[in-house]
Amino acid sequence: LNAYTYKEIQSFSFFVAITILHEFVHAGRKANGLNENAGEMGWGWEIEAFKRTVNPLSSDDLYKKFNWNFKIDRKQQFQFNFLPSLKN
């Protein structure tokens, strides 16, 4: 992460989070049998929530406006064991 600035990390993480929520709008409409041909409801949600659509450029301003703060604990180390247990 050292190659990225604080601003880049905050902006990108905000964009990814909003993109996931945008897609949840579509999934929710589909799960509830709502018309999927009624227009781009994901963007409709973004405009309702943020007064504009969120994209990689607009997220530079929006993460600041909405006090987004993706915290990175550089001391935290993640360890994953993908091998199955060899216990008998």
Protein backbone atom coordinates (compact mmCIF):
# COMPACT_ATOMS: atom_id res chain seq x y z
CA LEU A 1 0.00 0.00 0.00
CA ASN A 2 2.96 2.32 0.27
CA ALA A 3 2.74 3.11 -3.45
CA TYR A 4 -0.66 4.73 -3.02
CA THR A 5 -1.47 8.04 -1.40
CA TYR A 6 -4.02 8.45 1.36
CA LYS A 7 -6.30 10.27 -1.10
CA GLU A 8 -6.09 7.44 -3.64
CA ILE A 9 -6.91 4.81 -1.03
CA GLN A 10 -9.85 6.78 0.35
CA SER A 11 -11.23 7.67 -3.07
CA PHE A 12 -10.98 4.14 -4.45
CA SER A 13 -12.36 2.45 -1.33
CA PHE A 14 -15.33 4.87 -1.36
CA PHE A 15 -15.94 4.11 -5.04
CA VAL A 16 -15.82 0.34 -4.44
CA ALA A 17 -18.20 0.56 -1.45
CA ILE A 18 -20.73 2.64 -3.40
CA THR A 19 -20.45 0.33 -6.41
CA ILE A 20 -21.33 -2.63 -4.17
CA LEU A 21 -24.35 -0.77 -2.78
CA HIS A 22 -25.34 0.23 -6.32
CA GLU A 23 -25.39 -3.45 -7.29
CA PHE A 24 -27.39 -4.31 -4.15
CA VAL A 25 -30.11 -1.98 -5.49
CA HIS A 26 -30.35 -4.16 -8.61
CA ALA A 27 -30.24 -7.39 -6.59
CA GLY A 28 -32.94 -6.13 -4.23
CA ARG A 29 -35.22 -5.13 -7.08
CA LYS A 30 -34.74 -8.51 -8.75
CA ALA A 31 -35.32 -10.42 -5.51
CA ASN A 32 -38.57 -8.52 -4.96
CA GLY A 33 -39.84 -8.98 -8.51
CA LEU A 34 -39.67 -5.29 -9.36
CA ASN A 35 -39.40 -4.11 -12.95
CA GLU A 36 -35.77 -4.16 -14.03
CA ASN A 37 -36.56 -2.24 -17.22
CA ALA A 38 -37.66 0.87 -15.34
CA GLY A 39 -34.31 2.57 -15.90
CA GLU A 40 -30.96 2.49 -14.18
CA MET A 41 -32.12 2.30 -10.57
CA GLY A 42 -28.58 1.92 -9.23
CA TRP A 43 -27.76 5.35 -10.60
CA GLY A 44 -31.12 6.58 -9.35
CA TRP A 45 -30.12 5.55 -5.84
CA GLU A 46 -26.74 7.27 -6.21
CA ILE A 47 -28.36 10.50 -7.38
CA GLU A 48 -30.86 10.37 -4.51
CA ALA A 49 -28.11 9.73 -1.97
CA PHE A 50 -25.26 11.84 -3.37
CA LYS A 51 -26.96 14.23 -5.83
CA ARG A 52 -24.87 12.73 -8.64
CA THR A 53 -23.54 9.42 -9.84
CA VAL A 54 -20.38 8.08 -8.27
CA ASN A 55 -17.46 7.25 -10.53
CA PRO A 56 -13.68 7.17 -10.09
CA LEU A 57 -13.48 10.93 -10.71
CA SER A 58 -16.42 12.07 -8.56
CA SER A 59 -15.34 9.82 -5.69
CA ASP A 60 -12.32 12.13 -5.17
CA ASP A 61 -14.68 14.84 -3.91
CA LEU A 62 -17.43 12.68 -2.44
CA TYR A 63 -15.30 10.73 0.03
CA LYS A 64 -14.35 14.05 1.64
CA LYS A 65 -17.87 15.47 1.56
CA PHE A 66 -19.29 12.39 3.31
CA ASN A 67 -16.39 12.00 5.76
CA TRP A 68 -15.38 8.59 4.41
CA ASN A 69 -12.36 7.20 6.22
CA PHE A 70 -11.21 3.73 5.27
CA LYS A 71 -8.80 2.80 8.02
CA ILE A 72 -5.78 0.71 7.33
CA ASP A 73 -3.98 -0.88 10.22
CA ARG A 74 -0.52 -1.37 8.80
CA LYS A 75 0.48 -3.39 11.88
CA GLN A 76 -2.28 -5.92 11.31
CA GLN A 77 -1.07 -9.00 9.54
CA PHE A 78 -3.50 -11.36 7.93
CA GLN A 79 -2.67 -15.02 7.91
CA PHE A 80 -4.66 -17.44 5.86
CA ASN A 81 -4.30 -21.19 5.92
CA PHE A 82 -5.70 -22.58 2.72
CA LEU A 83 -4.38 -26.08 3.29
CA PRO A 84 -6.71 -28.62 4.87
CA SER A 85 -5.87 -29.88 8.30
CA LEU A 86 -3.63 -32.95 8.22
CA LYS A 87 -4.96 -34.33 11.51
CA ASN A 88 -5.81 -38.05 11.48
